[in-house]
Amino acid sequence: MKKWLMVTMIVAAGIALSGCPKKPTVKGNPNAGTAVPEQGGASSGDTGPQTGAATPFGESGGAAGAAAAVAGRIIYFDYDKVEIKPEYAGIVTEVAHALSMHPAWKIRLEGNTDERGTREYNIGLGERRAQAVRRALMLQGAADTQLSTVSYGEERPAVEGETEAAFAKNRRVEMVAVP
């Protein structure tokens, strides 16, 4: 049993140290839905920045319209969590509505984490966060074909530093228009 565990650890370390792919891996369909919390009270432990006040989207089409619809749309997460906080339900609803009204628009959901935890764990956590947002958008009316996900884990920090404020800004899913 110990030999098997040791071999597994060595193989995992070899894979992790072999380098990152040039292009991010984009994942497909989610397996289950994620409900968006009701809008209302903000969680008392919220340390992340507030974004995404409800604003109407422009009616431009194509990638430019999608870019305008998702510009600056970021959903922040609590430490080691994948649940969408209630204060971001409006962003999910608004973006999903815009996507449902414009079937040609496509967005990529980029999952990110703070630097705490192993590289492998953070890649997985970033993916779970991106998938949670994806499921929430689909439950609100966005089509599966309009959404793709990628996890950057801790590799793309929004803010450098080892303070709780920096960590809070790095635990996020960014929405990016795809041409």
Foldseek 3Di string as FASTA:
>chain_A
DVVVVVVVVVVVVCVVPPDDDPDFDKDADDDDAAAADAADDFDPPDLADQDDDDDAFDPDADLVSLQRLQPPLKFWDDAPDQHGTNSNLNNLLSNLVSCQVHVRWAKEKEFEAAPPDDQVVQQVSRQSNSNNSVNNSVVNHHDRVRYIYGYPRNVDQPDDDDDPNSRRRGGIIGIHTDD
